[in-house]
Amino acid sequence: MFADYRVPQILHHLKILIYPPSLLALLESGHYFEHGSKEEVSIRAASVVAVEQVRDEILALRHQDKEIADASTTMEHGIDVPVSSVLIDFYLWDTAKRIEEGEEIVVPPHRTRSIWY
C-alpha cells in the first residue's frame, strides 16, 4: 500500500484505526508533523499494518468460502481473483473520495511536507 495522507484518514473514519485523543487533538488543530516525526511514522506504519490485516482477513474469508463452495461456484463469485495491498489502498482512496463528496470525514488528514509521497 501507499502510506499517504488519505488512507490513514479513511482507515480512521471506518474505525479500522483508532487514534489516541492526543493525536486527534493535533490533527484537528491542523498541526504540521515534521517528516520522520514519531507521529507521522506511527500513522503511516499503523496504516500499512492495518491494510495488511484487512488483506489477511479477506484471504481468510475467501478460504472459508472455498471450503464451502464447489469449484464452479468459486469461479462464478470471483474468489480466485488476487487480493493485494495495492488494490485495497486504491479501494480505500476511492472510498474516501466518495465519502467526502457526500459527507465530511470527521478527522482531517495529517499534514507533512515531503518529496516521497
Protein backbone atom coordinates (compact mmCIF):
# COMPACT_ATOMS: atom_id res chain seq x y z
CA MET A 1 0.00 0.00 0.00
CA PHE A 2 0.98 3.63 -0.29
CA ALA A 3 1.22 5.22 3.15
CA ASP A 4 -0.01 8.64 2.04
CA TYR A 5 -2.29 11.02 3.94
CA ARG A 6 -5.69 9.89 2.67
CA VAL A 7 -5.55 6.16 3.53
CA PRO A 8 -4.88 6.67 7.26
CA GLN A 9 -7.73 9.18 7.30
CA ILE A 10 -10.25 6.74 5.79
CA LEU A 11 -8.96 3.87 7.95
CA HIS A 12 -9.74 6.01 10.99
CA HIS A 13 -13.13 7.03 9.58
CA LEU A 14 -14.02 3.35 9.05
CA LYS A 15 -12.86 2.58 12.62
CA ILE A 16 -10.10 0.28 11.40
CA LEU A 17 -7.52 2.59 13.01
CA ILE A 18 -8.25 4.27 16.32
CA TYR A 19 -6.21 7.38 17.09
CA PRO A 20 -5.44 8.31 20.69
CA PRO A 21 -7.08 11.54 21.92
CA SER A 22 -3.73 13.39 21.95
CA LEU A 23 -3.16 12.63 18.25
CA LEU A 24 -6.76 13.54 17.38
CA ALA A 25 -6.29 16.92 19.05
CA LEU A 26 -3.16 17.59 16.98
CA LEU A 27 -4.89 16.57 13.73
CA GLU A 28 -7.94 18.70 14.48
CA SER A 29 -5.76 21.72 15.24
CA GLY A 30 -4.06 21.44 11.83
CA HIS A 31 -0.71 20.63 13.43
CA TYR A 32 2.16 20.21 10.96
CA PHE A 33 4.11 16.98 11.55
CA GLU A 34 7.77 17.07 10.59
CA HIS A 35 8.75 14.41 8.09
CA GLY A 36 10.05 11.47 10.10
CA SER A 37 8.45 12.55 13.37
CA LYS A 38 7.22 9.79 15.63
CA GLU A 39 3.59 10.77 14.97
CA GLU A 40 3.99 10.75 11.19
CA VAL A 41 5.86 7.45 11.19
CA SER A 42 3.32 5.93 13.60
CA ILE A 43 0.37 6.97 11.43
CA ARG A 44 1.98 5.59 8.28
CA ALA A 45 3.21 2.37 9.91
CA ALA A 46 -0.17 1.71 11.53
CA SER A 47 -1.80 2.20 8.13
CA VAL A 48 0.48 -0.36 6.50
CA VAL A 49 -0.20 -2.87 9.27
CA ALA A 50 -3.95 -2.22 9.12
CA VAL A 51 -4.13 -2.74 5.36
CA GLU A 52 -2.14 -5.97 5.68
CA GLN A 53 -4.56 -7.16 8.38
CA VAL A 54 -7.54 -6.29 6.16
CA ARG A 55 -5.88 -8.28 3.37
CA ASP A 56 -5.29 -11.25 5.69
CA GLU A 57 -8.94 -11.15 6.79
CA ILE A 58 -10.17 -11.07 3.18
CA LEU A 59 -7.98 -14.07 2.35
CA ALA A 60 -9.21 -15.96 5.44
CA LEU A 61 -12.83 -15.32 4.45
CA ARG A 62 -12.09 -16.49 0.92
CA HIS A 63 -10.52 -19.66 2.28
CA GLN A 64 -13.67 -20.36 4.31
CA ASP A 65 -15.79 -19.75 1.20
CA LYS A 66 -13.66 -22.14 -0.85
CA GLU A 67 -14.20 -24.90 1.67
CA ILE A 68 -17.96 -24.43 1.41
CA ALA A 69 -18.44 -23.76 -2.30
CA ASP A 70 -17.89 -26.17 -5.17
CA ALA A 71 -15.39 -25.30 -7.93
CA SER A 72 -17.95 -23.81 -10.34
CA THR A 73 -19.45 -21.53 -7.70
CA THR A 74 -15.97 -20.46 -6.60
CA MET A 75 -15.07 -19.16 -10.05
CA GLU A 76 -18.51 -17.66 -10.56
CA HIS A 77 -18.12 -15.46 -7.49
CA GLY A 78 -14.57 -14.39 -8.39
CA ILE A 79 -12.98 -15.92 -5.30
CA ASP A 80 -9.81 -16.74 -7.24
CA VAL A 81 -9.17 -13.09 -8.14
CA PRO A 82 -5.96 -11.99 -6.39
CA VAL A 83 -6.14 -9.55 -3.50
CA SER A 84 -3.22 -7.22 -2.89
CA SER A 85 -2.48 -4.41 -0.51
CA VAL A 86 -2.25 -2.06 -3.50
CA LEU A 87 -5.81 -2.93 -4.58
CA ILE A 88 -7.04 -2.35 -1.03
CA ASP A 89 -5.23 1.00 -1.00
CA PHE A 90 -6.91 2.02 -4.27
CA TYR A 91 -10.30 0.96 -2.88
CA LEU A 92 -9.76 2.94 0.33
CA TRP A 93 -8.61 6.03 -1.59
CA ASP A 94 -11.66 5.89 -3.87
CA THR A 95 -13.94 5.30 -0.88
CA ALA A 96 -12.51 8.36 0.86
CA LYS A 97 -13.21 10.49 -2.21
CA ARG A 98 -16.80 9.18 -2.48
CA ILE A 99 -17.47 9.74 1.21
CA GLU A 100 -16.04 13.24 1.01
CA GLU A 101 -18.49 14.10 -1.77
CA GLY A 102 -21.49 13.15 0.38
CA GLU A 103 -20.37 13.75 3.94
CA GLU A 104 -17.48 15.19 5.85
CA ILE A 105 -14.78 12.84 7.03
CA VAL A 106 -14.51 13.82 10.66
CA VAL A 107 -10.73 13.76 11.21
CA PRO A 108 -8.54 15.83 8.90
CA PRO A 109 -5.54 14.11 7.32
CA HIS A 110 -2.11 14.54 8.87
CA ARG A 111 -0.04 17.33 7.37
CA THR A 112 3.56 16.56 6.46
CA ARG A 113 5.71 18.04 3.69
CA SER A 114 7.91 15.54 1.88
CA ILE A 115 9.06 14.63 -1.62
CA TRP A 116 8.33 10.94 -1.00
CA TYR A 117 4.54 10.92 -1.48
